[in-house]
Amino acid sequence: MEAWEIEEISKALAVLVAEAGNYSYVDKLGYAPSRDLAIFYLKEALRDLHSMMGKKFENEEAEKAAKEIKFEQIDFALQKISKISDRKELREITALIAAKSLAKSAKLKKSDVKG
């Protein structure tokens, strides 16, 4: 997978963590043992992100990041993840997405505190 594909998924998860304090999507994805579960966890996260985007954000930086998410790139990345057949490769990709999500969410939270 290309870096830009990972960036958009990690940004979406980071917004969930920064705004709602919900680490479960990142944790589940980071340990997803199969691609079907990885896709399922991402579907859950995207569903909740869509719901969140219809409400008022408390974290202005998270709101700004949410508005910048390129969902068409996420769609493309999901297609690529769905084709990964090697478990090691899947684990590397999901762990990287999870780690980048946590780094991005920390930045969003820190920026909001400085506000």
PDB file of N, CA and C in Angstrom:
ATOM      1  N   MET A   1       0.840  -1.189   0.000  1.00  0.00           N
ATOM      2  CA  MET A   1       0.000   0.000   0.000  1.00  0.00           C
ATOM      3  C   MET A   1       0.874   1.237   0.000  1.00  0.00           C
ATOM      4  N   GLU A   2       0.356   2.252  -0.611  1.00  0.00           N
ATOM      5  CA  GLU A   2       1.061   3.526  -0.687  1.00  0.00           C
ATOM      6  C   GLU A   2       0.839   4.315   0.606  1.00  0.00           C
ATOM      7  N   ALA A   3       1.780   5.205   0.891  1.00  0.00           N
ATOM      8  CA  ALA A   3       1.697   6.008   2.113  1.00  0.00           C
ATOM      9  C   ALA A   3       0.428   6.852   2.159  1.00  0.00           C
ATOM     10  N   TRP A   4       0.027   7.435   1.024  1.00  0.00           N
ATOM     11  CA  TRP A   4      -1.161   8.299   1.013  1.00  0.00           C
ATOM     12  C   TRP A   4      -2.424   7.515   1.337  1.00  0.00           C
ATOM     13  N   GLU A   5      -2.446   6.240   1.022  1.00  0.00           N
ATOM     14  CA  GLU A   5      -3.622   5.421   1.338  1.00  0.00           C
ATOM     15  C   GLU A   5      -3.727   5.189   2.845  1.00  0.00           C
ATOM     16  N   ILE A   6      -2.596   4.963   3.449  1.00  0.00           N
ATOM     17  CA  ILE A   6      -2.553   4.761   4.897  1.00  0.00           C
ATOM     18  C   ILE A   6      -2.882   6.064   5.622  1.00  0.00           C
ATOM     19  N   GLU A   7      -2.425   7.184   5.077  1.00  0.00           N
ATOM     20  CA  GLU A   7      -2.640   8.488   5.709  1.00  0.00           C
ATOM     21  C   GLU A   7      -4.116   8.805   5.917  1.00  0.00           C
ATOM     22  N   GLU A   8      -4.928   8.570   4.912  1.00  0.00           N
ATOM     23  CA  GLU A   8      -6.344   8.937   5.019  1.00  0.00           C
ATOM     24  C   GLU A   8      -7.084   8.055   6.021  1.00  0.00           C
ATOM     25  N   ILE A   9      -6.793   6.773   6.027  1.00  0.00           N
ATOM     26  CA  ILE A   9      -7.439   5.892   7.013  1.00  0.00           C
ATOM     27  C   ILE A   9      -6.993   6.282   8.414  1.00  0.00           C
ATOM     28  N   SER A  10      -5.706   6.532   8.587  1.00  0.00           N
ATOM     29  CA  SER A  10      -5.220   6.897   9.919  1.00  0.00           C
ATOM     30  C   SER A  10      -5.786   8.243  10.369  1.00  0.00           C
ATOM     31  N   LYS A  11      -5.996   9.159   9.439  1.00  0.00           N
ATOM     32  CA  LYS A  11      -6.596  10.453   9.785  1.00  0.00           C
ATOM     33  C   LYS A  11      -8.030  10.264  10.285  1.00  0.00           C
ATOM     34  N   ALA A  12      -8.782   9.403   9.612  1.00  0.00           N
ATOM     35  CA  ALA A  12     -10.165   9.145  10.028  1.00  0.00           C
ATOM     36  C   ALA A  12     -10.210   8.551  11.434  1.00  0.00           C
ATOM     37  N   LEU A  13      -9.351   7.585  11.698  1.00  0.00           N
ATOM     38  CA  LEU A  13      -9.314   6.983  13.033  1.00  0.00           C
ATOM     39  C   LEU A  13      -8.828   7.983  14.078  1.00  0.00           C
ATOM     40  N   ALA A  14      -7.888   8.833  13.697  1.00  0.00           N
ATOM     41  CA  ALA A  14      -7.375   9.845  14.621  1.00  0.00           C
ATOM     42  C   ALA A  14      -8.467  10.811  15.051  1.00  0.00           C
ATOM     43  N   VAL A  15      -9.336  11.172  14.132  1.00  0.00           N
ATOM     44  CA  VAL A  15     -10.447  12.068  14.463  1.00  0.00           C
ATOM     45  C   VAL A  15     -11.353  11.408  15.503  1.00  0.00           C
ATOM     46  N   LEU A  16     -11.637  10.127  15.339  1.00  0.00           N
ATOM     47  CA  LEU A  16     -12.467   9.411  16.323  1.00  0.00           C
ATOM     48  C   LEU A  16     -11.820   9.417  17.701  1.00  0.00           C
ATOM     49  N   VAL A  17     -10.519   9.183  17.738  1.00  0.00           N
ATOM     50  CA  VAL A  17      -9.816   9.162  19.023  1.00  0.00           C
ATOM     51  C   VAL A  17      -9.797  10.557  19.640  1.00  0.00           C
ATOM     52  N   ALA A  18      -9.451  11.563  18.846  1.00  0.00           N
ATOM     53  CA  ALA A  18      -9.317  12.922  19.372  1.00  0.00           C
ATOM     54  C   ALA A  18     -10.647  13.513  19.826  1.00  0.00           C
ATOM     55  N   GLU A  19     -11.709  13.248  19.083  1.00  0.00           N
ATOM     56  CA  GLU A  19     -13.007  13.845  19.413  1.00  0.00           C
ATOM     57  C   GLU A  19     -13.762  13.043  20.457  1.00  0.00           C
ATOM     58  N   ALA A  20     -13.805  11.733  20.302  1.00  0.00           N
ATOM     59  CA  ALA A  20     -14.629  10.906  21.188  1.00  0.00           C
ATOM     60  C   ALA A  20     -13.819  10.162  22.243  1.00  0.00           C
ATOM     61  N   GLY A  21     -12.501  10.194  22.134  1.00  0.00           N
ATOM     62  CA  GLY A  21     -11.671   9.455  23.078  1.00  0.00           C
ATOM     63  C   GLY A  21     -11.822   7.951  22.934  1.00  0.00           C
ATOM     64  N   ASN A  22     -12.255   7.516  21.754  1.00  0.00           N
ATOM     65  CA  ASN A  22     -12.532   6.099  21.529  1.00  0.00           C
ATOM     66  C   ASN A  22     -11.342   5.434  20.847  1.00  0.00           C
ATOM     67  N   TYR A  23     -10.599   4.651  21.631  1.00  0.00           N
ATOM     68  CA  TYR A  23      -9.422   3.954  21.120  1.00  0.00           C
ATOM     69  C   TYR A  23      -9.754   2.560  20.596  1.00  0.00           C
ATOM     70  N   SER A  24     -10.971   2.109  20.764  1.00  0.00           N
ATOM     71  CA  SER A  24     -11.301   0.718  20.443  1.00  0.00           C
ATOM     72  C   SER A  24     -11.078   0.382  18.973  1.00  0.00           C
ATOM     73  N   TYR A  25     -11.376   1.304  18.074  1.00  0.00           N
ATOM     74  CA  TYR A  25     -11.182   1.016  16.650  1.00  0.00           C
ATOM     75  C   TYR A  25      -9.703   0.824  16.328  1.00  0.00           C
ATOM     76  N   VAL A  26      -8.881   1.673  16.896  1.00  0.00           N
ATOM     77  CA  VAL A  26      -7.441   1.591  16.664  1.00  0.00           C
ATOM     78  C   VAL A  26      -6.900   0.295  17.258  1.00  0.00           C
ATOM     79  N   ASP A  27      -7.323  -0.021  18.469  1.00  0.00           N
ATOM     80  CA  ASP A  27      -6.861  -1.244  19.120  1.00  0.00           C
ATOM     81  C   ASP A  27      -7.292  -2.485  18.353  1.00  0.00           C
ATOM     82  N   LYS A  28      -8.554  -2.537  17.973  1.00  0.00           N
ATOM     83  CA  LYS A  28      -9.058  -3.699  17.234  1.00  0.00           C
ATOM     84  C   LYS A  28      -8.335  -3.852  15.902  1.00  0.00           C
ATOM     85  N   LEU A  29      -8.178  -2.756  15.180  1.00  0.00           N
ATOM     86  CA  LEU A  29      -7.523  -2.823  13.880  1.00  0.00           C
ATOM     87  C   LEU A  29      -6.070  -3.268  14.021  1.00  0.00           C
ATOM     88  N   GLY A  30      -5.388  -2.745  15.011  1.00  0.00           N
ATOM     89  CA  GLY A  30      -3.983  -3.083  15.215  1.00  0.00           C
ATOM     90  C   GLY A  30      -3.745  -4.558  15.466  1.00  0.00           C
ATOM     91  N   TYR A  31      -4.759  -5.245  15.972  1.00  0.00           N
ATOM     92  CA  TYR A  31      -4.627  -6.675  16.269  1.00  0.00           C
ATOM     93  C   TYR A  31      -5.538  -7.543  15.416  1.00  0.00           C
ATOM     94  N   ALA A  32      -6.068  -6.997  14.335  1.00  0.00           N
ATOM     95  CA  ALA A  32      -6.983  -7.763  13.478  1.00  0.00           C
ATOM     96  C   ALA A  32      -6.258  -8.986  12.903  1.00  0.00           C
ATOM     97  N   PRO A  33      -6.777 -10.184  13.180  1.00  0.00           N
ATOM     98  CA  PRO A  33      -6.103 -11.403  12.720  1.00  0.00           C
ATOM     99  C   PRO A  33      -6.412 -11.777  11.268  1.00  0.00           C
ATOM    100  N   SER A  34      -7.384 -11.111  10.668  1.00  0.00           N
ATOM    101  CA  SER A  34      -7.759 -11.459   9.298  1.00  0.00           C
ATOM    102  C   SER A  34      -8.221 -10.205   8.568  1.00  0.00           C
ATOM    103  N   ARG A  35      -8.190 -10.282   7.254  1.00  0.00           N
ATOM    104  CA  ARG A  35      -8.588  -9.098   6.483  1.00  0.00           C
ATOM    105  C   ARG A  35     -10.078  -8.821   6.617  1.00  0.00           C
ATOM    106  N   ASP A  36     -10.901  -9.869   6.762  1.00  0.00           N
ATOM    107  CA  ASP A  36     -12.338  -9.611   6.907  1.00  0.00           C
ATOM    108  C   ASP A  36     -12.629  -8.864   8.203  1.00  0.00           C
ATOM    109  N   LEU A  37     -11.907  -9.195   9.270  1.00  0.00           N
ATOM    110  CA  LEU A  37     -12.089  -8.445  10.518  1.00  0.00           C
ATOM    111  C   LEU A  37     -11.522  -7.030  10.399  1.00  0.00           C
ATOM    112  N   ALA A  38     -10.403  -6.880   9.731  1.00  0.00           N
ATOM    113  CA  ALA A  38      -9.838  -5.539   9.537  1.00  0.00           C
ATOM    114  C   ALA A  38     -10.836  -4.651   8.795  1.00  0.00           C
ATOM    115  N   ILE A  39     -11.427  -5.176   7.734  1.00  0.00           N
ATOM    116  CA  ILE A  39     -12.429  -4.421   6.973  1.00  0.00           C
ATOM    117  C   ILE A  39     -13.654  -4.137   7.842  1.00  0.00           C
ATOM    118  N   PHE A  40     -14.078  -5.112   8.630  1.00  0.00           N
ATOM    119  CA  PHE A  40     -15.231  -4.925   9.514  1.00  0.00           C
ATOM    120  C   PHE A  40     -14.964  -3.810  10.525  1.00  0.00           C
ATOM    121  N   TYR A  41     -13.778  -3.819  11.146  1.00  0.00           N
ATOM    122  CA  TYR A  41     -13.450  -2.786  12.129  1.00  0.00           C
ATOM    123  C   TYR A  41     -13.391  -1.406  11.474  1.00  0.00           C
ATOM    124  N   LEU A  42     -12.866  -1.346  10.272  1.00  0.00           N
ATOM    125  CA  LEU A  42     -12.831  -0.066   9.564  1.00  0.00           C
ATOM    126  C   LEU A  42     -14.234   0.400   9.200  1.00  0.00           C
ATOM    127  N   LYS A  43     -15.092  -0.527   8.832  1.00  0.00           N
ATOM    128  CA  LYS A  43     -16.492  -0.175   8.526  1.00  0.00           C
ATOM    129  C   LYS A  43     -17.166   0.425   9.757  1.00  0.00           C
ATOM    130  N   GLU A  44     -16.966  -0.210  10.918  1.00  0.00           N
ATOM    131  CA  GLU A  44     -17.545   0.318  12.159  1.00  0.00           C
ATOM    132  C   GLU A  44     -17.036   1.730  12.438  1.00  0.00           C
ATOM    133  N   ALA A  45     -15.751   1.919  12.275  1.00  0.00           N
ATOM    134  CA  ALA A  45     -15.157   3.229  12.538  1.00  0.00           C
ATOM    135  C   ALA A  45     -15.698   4.285  11.582  1.00  0.00           C
ATOM    136  N   LEU A  46     -15.779   3.947  10.314  1.00  0.00           N
ATOM    137  CA  LEU A  46     -16.289   4.909   9.333  1.00  0.00           C
ATOM    138  C   LEU A  46     -17.757   5.240   9.572  1.00  0.00           C
ATOM    139  N   ARG A  47     -18.528   4.250   9.995  1.00  0.00           N
ATOM    140  CA  ARG A  47     -19.938   4.498  10.320  1.00  0.00           C
ATOM    141  C   ARG A  47     -20.036   5.512  11.454  1.00  0.00           C
ATOM    142  N   ASP A  48     -19.248   5.314  12.507  1.00  0.00           N
ATOM    143  CA  ASP A  48     -19.292   6.238  13.635  1.00  0.00           C
ATOM    144  C   ASP A  48     -18.726   7.608  13.273  1.00  0.00           C
ATOM    145  N   LEU A  49     -17.742   7.631  12.398  1.00  0.00           N
ATOM    146  CA  LEU A  49     -17.206   8.909  11.944  1.00  0.00           C
ATOM    147  C   LEU A  49     -18.268   9.688  11.170  1.00  0.00           C
ATOM    148  N   HIS A  50     -19.001   9.004  10.317  1.00  0.00           N
ATOM    149  CA  HIS A  50     -20.087   9.668   9.568  1.00  0.00           C
ATOM    150  C   HIS A  50     -21.120  10.251  10.526  1.00  0.00           C
ATOM    151  N   SER A  51     -21.462   9.504  11.542  1.00  0.00           N
ATOM    152  CA  SER A  51     -22.416   9.984  12.541  1.00  0.00           C
ATOM    153  C   SER A  51     -21.857  11.207  13.266  1.00  0.00           C
ATOM    154  N   MET A  52     -20.592  11.133  13.631  1.00  0.00           N
ATOM    155  CA  MET A  52     -19.942  12.224  14.351  1.00  0.00           C
ATOM    156  C   MET A  52     -19.892  13.496  13.509  1.00  0.00           C
ATOM    157  N   MET A  53     -19.688  13.346  12.227  1.00  0.00           N
ATOM    158  CA  MET A  53     -19.556  14.512  11.356  1.00  0.00           C
ATOM    159  C   MET A  53     -20.865  15.278  11.198  1.00  0.00           C
ATOM    160  N   GLY A  54     -21.966  14.666  11.576  1.00  0.00           N
ATOM    161  CA  GLY A  54     -23.253  15.345  11.522  1.00  0.00           C
ATOM    162  C   GLY A  54     -23.566  16.132  12.781  1.00  0.00           C
ATOM    163  N   LYS A  55     -22.650  16.107  13.737  1.00  0.00           N
ATOM    164  CA  LYS A  55     -22.860  16.795  15.014  1.00  0.00           C
ATOM    165  C   LYS A  55     -21.797  17.866  15.206  1.00  0.00           C
ATOM    166  N   LYS A  56     -21.970  18.651  16.254  1.00  0.00           N
ATOM    167  CA  LYS A  56     -20.991  19.683  16.579  1.00  0.00           C
ATOM    168  C   LYS A  56     -19.783  19.041  17.264  1.00  0.00           C
ATOM    169  N   PHE A  57     -18.605  19.381  16.788  1.00  0.00           N
ATOM    170  CA  PHE A  57     -17.363  18.888  17.382  1.00  0.00           C
ATOM    171  C   PHE A  57     -16.991  19.740  18.589  1.00  0.00           C
ATOM    172  N   GLU A  58     -16.395  19.128  19.577  1.00  0.00           N
ATOM    173  CA  GLU A  58     -15.843  19.871  20.706  1.00  0.00           C
ATOM    174  C   GLU A  58     -14.388  20.246  20.427  1.00  0.00           C
ATOM    175  N   ASN A  59     -13.685  19.379  19.709  1.00  0.00           N
ATOM    176  CA  ASN A  59     -12.281  19.593  19.385  1.00  0.00           C
ATOM    177  C   ASN A  59     -12.204  20.220  17.989  1.00  0.00           C
ATOM    178  N   GLU A  60     -11.837  21.485  17.940  1.00  0.00           N
ATOM    179  CA  GLU A  60     -11.802  22.206  16.663  1.00  0.00           C
ATOM    180  C   GLU A  60     -10.789  21.616  15.688  1.00  0.00           C
ATOM    181  N   GLU A  61      -9.674  21.141  16.210  1.00  0.00           N
ATOM    182  CA  GLU A  61      -8.658  20.545  15.338  1.00  0.00           C
ATOM    183  C   GLU A  61      -9.153  19.233  14.737  1.00  0.00           C
ATOM    184  N   ALA A  62      -9.890  18.468  15.524  1.00  0.00           N
ATOM    185  CA  ALA A  62     -10.464  17.220  15.009  1.00  0.00           C
ATOM    186  C   ALA A  62     -11.500  17.524  13.933  1.00  0.00           C
ATOM    187  N   GLU A  63     -12.282  18.560  14.147  1.00  0.00           N
ATOM    188  CA  GLU A  63     -13.279  18.954  13.144  1.00  0.00           C
ATOM    189  C   GLU A  63     -12.603  19.370  11.835  1.00  0.00           C
ATOM    190  N   LYS A  64     -11.550  20.142  11.955  1.00  0.00           N
ATOM    191  CA  LYS A  64     -10.805  20.576  10.767  1.00  0.00           C
ATOM    192  C   LYS A  64     -10.238  19.356  10.031  1.00  0.00           C
ATOM    193  N   ALA A  65      -9.658  18.428  10.772  1.00  0.00           N
ATOM    194  CA  ALA A  65      -9.098  17.217  10.160  1.00  0.00           C
ATOM    195  C   ALA A  65     -10.191  16.383   9.500  1.00  0.00           C
ATOM    196  N   ALA A  66     -11.349  16.298  10.143  1.00  0.00           N
ATOM    197  CA  ALA A  66     -12.463  15.521   9.586  1.00  0.00           C
ATOM    198  C   ALA A  66     -12.906  16.088   8.243  1.00  0.00           C
ATOM    199  N   LYS A  67     -12.922  17.399   8.143  1.00  0.00           N
ATOM    200  CA  LYS A  67     -13.344  18.040   6.893  1.00  0.00           C
ATOM    201  C   LYS A  67     -12.336  17.834   5.766  1.00  0.00           C
ATOM    202  N   GLU A  68     -11.102  17.502   6.126  1.00  0.00           N
ATOM    203  CA  GLU A  68     -10.046  17.310   5.128  1.00  0.00           C
ATOM    204  C   GLU A  68      -9.903  15.857   4.677  1.00  0.00           C
ATOM    205  N   ILE A  69     -10.635  14.948   5.292  1.00  0.00           N
ATOM    206  CA  ILE A  69     -10.511  13.528   4.945  1.00  0.00           C
ATOM    207  C   ILE A  69     -10.969  13.308   3.507  1.00  0.00           C
ATOM    208  N   LYS A  70     -10.169  12.596   2.767  1.00  0.00           N
ATOM    209  CA  LYS A  70     -10.481  12.261   1.370  1.00  0.00           C
ATOM    210  C   LYS A  70     -11.065  10.849   1.346  1.00  0.00           C
ATOM    211  N   PHE A  71     -12.377  10.766   1.396  1.00  0.00           N
ATOM    212  CA  PHE A  71     -13.043   9.468   1.507  1.00  0.00           C
ATOM    213  C   PHE A  71     -12.854   8.593   0.270  1.00  0.00           C
ATOM    214  N   GLU A  72     -12.650   9.214  -0.884  1.00  0.00           N
ATOM    215  CA  GLU A  72     -12.405   8.410  -2.080  1.00  0.00           C
ATOM    216  C   GLU A  72     -11.079   7.661  -1.967  1.00  0.00           C
ATOM    217  N   GLN A  73     -10.104   8.254  -1.275  1.00  0.00           N
ATOM    218  CA  GLN A  73      -8.833   7.570  -1.053  1.00  0.00           C
ATOM    219  C   GLN A  73      -8.997   6.444  -0.033  1.00  0.00           C
ATOM    220  N   ILE A  74      -9.862   6.656   0.945  1.00  0.00           N
ATOM    221  CA  ILE A  74     -10.144   5.585   1.904  1.00  0.00           C
ATOM    222  C   ILE A  74     -10.796   4.415   1.184  1.00  0.00           C
ATOM    223  N   ASP A  75     -11.711   4.714   0.291  1.00  0.00           N
ATOM    224  CA  ASP A  75     -12.366   3.657  -0.481  1.00  0.00           C
ATOM    225  C   ASP A  75     -11.341   2.852  -1.273  1.00  0.00           C
ATOM    226  N   PHE A  76     -10.418   3.536  -1.900  1.00  0.00           N
ATOM    227  CA  PHE A  76      -9.371   2.869  -2.672  1.00  0.00           C
ATOM    228  C   PHE A  76      -8.497   2.005  -1.759  1.00  0.00           C
ATOM    229  N   ALA A  77      -8.145   2.537  -0.585  1.00  0.00           N
ATOM    230  CA  ALA A  77      -7.328   1.786   0.370  1.00  0.00           C
ATOM    231  C   ALA A  77      -8.062   0.548   0.872  1.00  0.00           C
ATOM    232  N   LEU A  78      -9.363   0.664   1.099  1.00  0.00           N
ATOM    233  CA  LEU A  78     -10.150  -0.492   1.541  1.00  0.00           C
ATOM    234  C   LEU A  78     -10.138  -1.593   0.489  1.00  0.00           C
ATOM    235  N   GLN A  79     -10.195  -1.206  -0.760  1.00  0.00           N
ATOM    236  CA  GLN A  79     -10.120  -2.198  -1.836  1.00  0.00           C
ATOM    237  C   GLN A  79      -8.789  -2.934  -1.801  1.00  0.00           C
ATOM    238  N   LYS A  80      -7.715  -2.198  -1.546  1.00  0.00           N
ATOM    239  CA  LYS A  80      -6.398  -2.829  -1.480  1.00  0.00           C
ATOM    240  C   LYS A  80      -6.282  -3.751  -0.268  1.00  0.00           C
ATOM    241  N   ILE A  81      -6.776  -3.303   0.872  1.00  0.00           N
ATOM    242  CA  ILE A  81      -6.726  -4.139   2.073  1.00  0.00           C
ATOM    243  C   ILE A  81      -7.505  -5.422   1.846  1.00  0.00           C
ATOM    244  N   SER A  82      -8.619  -5.322   1.164  1.00  0.00           N
ATOM    245  CA  SER A  82      -9.452  -6.505   0.933  1.00  0.00           C
ATOM    246  C   SER A  82      -8.771  -7.541   0.041  1.00  0.00           C
ATOM    247  N   LYS A  83      -7.706  -7.147  -0.629  1.00  0.00           N
ATOM    248  CA  LYS A  83      -6.985  -8.073  -1.508  1.00  0.00           C
ATOM    249  C   LYS A  83      -5.720  -8.643  -0.875  1.00  0.00           C
ATOM    250  N   ILE A  84      -5.384  -8.202   0.330  1.00  0.00           N
ATOM    251  CA  ILE A  84      -4.185  -8.713   0.998  1.00  0.00           C
ATOM    252  C   ILE A  84      -4.445 -10.152   1.431  1.00  0.00           C
ATOM    253  N   SER A  85      -3.598 -11.052   0.994  1.00  0.00           N
ATOM    254  CA  SER A  85      -3.787 -12.456   1.364  1.00  0.00           C
ATOM    255  C   SER A  85      -2.734 -12.938   2.362  1.00  0.00           C
ATOM    256  N   ASP A  86      -1.642 -12.223   2.472  1.00  0.00           N
ATOM    257  CA  ASP A  86      -0.568 -12.607   3.382  1.00  0.00           C
ATOM    258  C   ASP A  86      -0.811 -12.013   4.770  1.00  0.00           C
ATOM    259  N   ARG A  87      -0.869 -12.865   5.783  1.00  0.00           N
ATOM    260  CA  ARG A  87      -1.153 -12.380   7.145  1.00  0.00           C
ATOM    261  C   ARG A  87      -0.090 -11.429   7.668  1.00  0.00           C
ATOM    262  N   LYS A  88       1.166 -11.705   7.335  1.00  0.00           N
ATOM    263  CA  LYS A  88       2.242 -10.826   7.797  1.00  0.00           C
ATOM    264  C   LYS A  88       2.070  -9.430   7.199  1.00  0.00           C
ATOM    265  N   GLU A  89       1.772  -9.369   5.923  1.00  0.00           N
ATOM    266  CA  GLU A  89       1.557  -8.076   5.273  1.00  0.00           C
ATOM    267  C   GLU A  89       0.351  -7.357   5.882  1.00  0.00           C
ATOM    268  N   LEU A  90      -0.722  -8.097   6.125  1.00  0.00           N
ATOM    269  CA  LEU A  90      -1.908  -7.504   6.745  1.00  0.00           C
ATOM    270  C   LEU A  90      -1.563  -6.935   8.114  1.00  0.00           C
ATOM    271  N   ARG A  91      -0.827  -7.702   8.904  1.00  0.00           N
ATOM    272  CA  ARG A  91      -0.444  -7.264  10.248  1.00  0.00           C
ATOM    273  C   ARG A  91       0.411  -6.001  10.186  1.00  0.00           C
ATOM    274  N   GLU A  92       1.341  -5.957   9.239  1.00  0.00           N
ATOM    275  CA  GLU A  92       2.195  -4.774   9.090  1.00  0.00           C
ATOM    276  C   GLU A  92       1.369  -3.542   8.727  1.00  0.00           C
ATOM    277  N   ILE A  93       0.448  -3.700   7.799  1.00  0.00           N
ATOM    278  CA  ILE A  93      -0.382  -2.575   7.353  1.00  0.00           C
ATOM    279  C   ILE A  93      -1.299  -2.097   8.473  1.00  0.00           C
ATOM    280  N   THR A  94      -1.984  -3.023   9.132  1.00  0.00           N
ATOM    281  CA  THR A  94      -2.924  -2.617  10.184  1.00  0.00           C
ATOM    282  C   THR A  94      -2.195  -2.020  11.382  1.00  0.00           C
ATOM    283  N   ALA A  95      -1.028  -2.560  11.714  1.00  0.00           N
ATOM    284  CA  ALA A  95      -0.251  -1.997  12.824  1.00  0.00           C
ATOM    285  C   ALA A  95       0.232  -0.590  12.481  1.00  0.00           C
ATOM    286  N   LEU A  96       0.642  -0.386  11.244  1.00  0.00           N
ATOM    287  CA  LEU A  96       1.093   0.942  10.820  1.00  0.00           C
ATOM    288  C   LEU A  96      -0.061   1.942  10.829  1.00  0.00           C
ATOM    289  N   ILE A  97      -1.206   1.534  10.339  1.00  0.00           N
ATOM    290  CA  ILE A  97      -2.382   2.418  10.364  1.00  0.00           C
ATOM    291  C   ILE A  97      -2.722   2.788  11.805  1.00  0.00           C
ATOM    292  N   ALA A  98      -2.715   1.799  12.691  1.00  0.00           N
ATOM    293  CA  ALA A  98      -3.039   2.049  14.100  1.00  0.00           C
ATOM    294  C   ALA A  98      -2.030   3.004  14.737  1.00  0.00           C
ATOM    295  N   ALA A  99      -0.751   2.766  14.495  1.00  0.00           N
ATOM    296  CA  ALA A  99       0.284   3.619  15.080  1.00  0.00           C
ATOM    297  C   ALA A  99       0.179   5.057  14.564  1.00  0.00           C
ATOM    298  N   LYS A 100      -0.021   5.209  13.267  1.00  0.00           N
ATOM    299  CA  LYS A 100      -0.154   6.546  12.696  1.00  0.00           C
ATOM    300  C   LYS A 100      -1.411   7.247  13.220  1.00  0.00           C
ATOM    301  N   SER A 101      -2.465   6.484  13.434  1.00  0.00           N
ATOM    302  CA  SER A 101      -3.697   7.057  13.987  1.00  0.00           C
ATOM    303  C   SER A 101      -3.451   7.628  15.373  1.00  0.00           C
ATOM    304  N   LEU A 102      -2.725   6.888  16.187  1.00  0.00           N
ATOM    305  CA  LEU A 102      -2.433   7.356  17.541  1.00  0.00           C
ATOM    306  C   LEU A 102      -1.549   8.602  17.519  1.00  0.00           C
ATOM    307  N   ALA A 103      -0.560   8.619  16.647  1.00  0.00           N
ATOM    308  CA  ALA A 103       0.309   9.794  16.543  1.00  0.00           C
ATOM    309  C   ALA A 103      -0.485  11.018  16.092  1.00  0.00           C
ATOM    310  N   LYS A 104      -1.335  10.837  15.100  1.00  0.00           N
ATOM    311  CA  LYS A 104      -2.149  11.950  14.601  1.00  0.00           C
ATOM    312  C   LYS A 104      -3.147  12.429  15.655  1.00  0.00           C
ATOM    313  N   SER A 105      -3.757  11.500  16.373  1.00  0.00           N
ATOM    314  CA  SER A 105      -4.743  11.903  17.380  1.00  0.00           C
ATOM    315  C   SER A 105      -4.073  12.662  18.518  1.00  0.00           C
ATOM    316  N   ALA A 106      -2.859  12.263  18.876  1.00  0.00           N
ATOM    317  CA  ALA A 106      -2.134  12.988  19.922  1.00  0.00           C
ATOM    318  C   ALA A 106      -1.875  14.425  19.486  1.00  0.00           C
ATOM    319  N   LYS A 107      -1.535  14.596  18.230  1.00  0.00           N
ATOM    320  CA  LYS A 107      -1.307  15.946  17.701  1.00  0.00           C
ATOM    321  C   LYS A 107      -2.602  16.757  17.723  1.00  0.00           C
ATOM    322  N   LEU A 108      -3.716  16.128  17.343  1.00  0.00           N
ATOM    323  CA  LEU A 108      -5.009  16.825  17.356  1.00  0.00           C
ATOM    324  C   LEU A 108      -5.410  17.213  18.777  1.00  0.00           C
ATOM    325  N   LYS A 109      -5.183  16.324  19.724  1.00  0.00           N
ATOM    326  CA  LYS A 109      -5.530  16.616  21.120  1.00  0.00           C
ATOM    327  C   LYS A 109      -4.636  17.716  21.677  1.00  0.00           C
ATOM    328  N   LYS A 110      -3.348  17.636  21.375  1.00  0.00           N
ATOM    329  CA  LYS A 110      -2.395  18.632  21.865  1.00  0.00           C
ATOM    330  C   LYS A 110      -2.727  20.010  21.303  1.00  0.00           C
ATOM    331  N   SER A 111      -3.049  20.071  20.021  1.00  0.00           N
ATOM    332  CA  SER A 111      -3.402  21.349  19.390  1.00  0.00           C
ATOM    333  C   SER A 111      -4.648  21.946  20.016  1.00  0.00           C
ATOM    334  N   ASP A 112      -5.607  21.088  20.344  1.00  0.00           N
ATOM    335  CA  ASP A 112      -6.855  21.565  20.933  1.00  0.00           C
ATOM    336  C   ASP A 112      -6.627  22.102  22.341  1.00  0.00           C
ATOM    337  N   VAL A 113      -5.730  21.488  23.092  1.00  0.00           N
ATOM    338  CA  VAL A 113      -5.439  21.944  24.449  1.00  0.00           C
ATOM    339  C   VAL A 113      -4.767  23.309  24.404  1.00  0.00           C
ATOM    340  N   LYS A 114      -3.847  23.492  23.454  1.00  0.00           N
ATOM    341  CA  LYS A 114      -3.174  24.788  23.310  1.00  0.00           C
ATOM    342  C   LYS A 114      -4.157  25.872  22.919  1.00  0.00           C
ATOM    343  N   GLY A 115      -5.122  25.449  22.008  1.00  0.00           N
ATOM    344  CA  GLY A 115      -6.199  26.247  21.488  1.00  0.00           C
ATOM    345  C   GLY A 115      -6.030  27.676  21.556  1.00  0.00           C
TER     346      GLY A 115
END
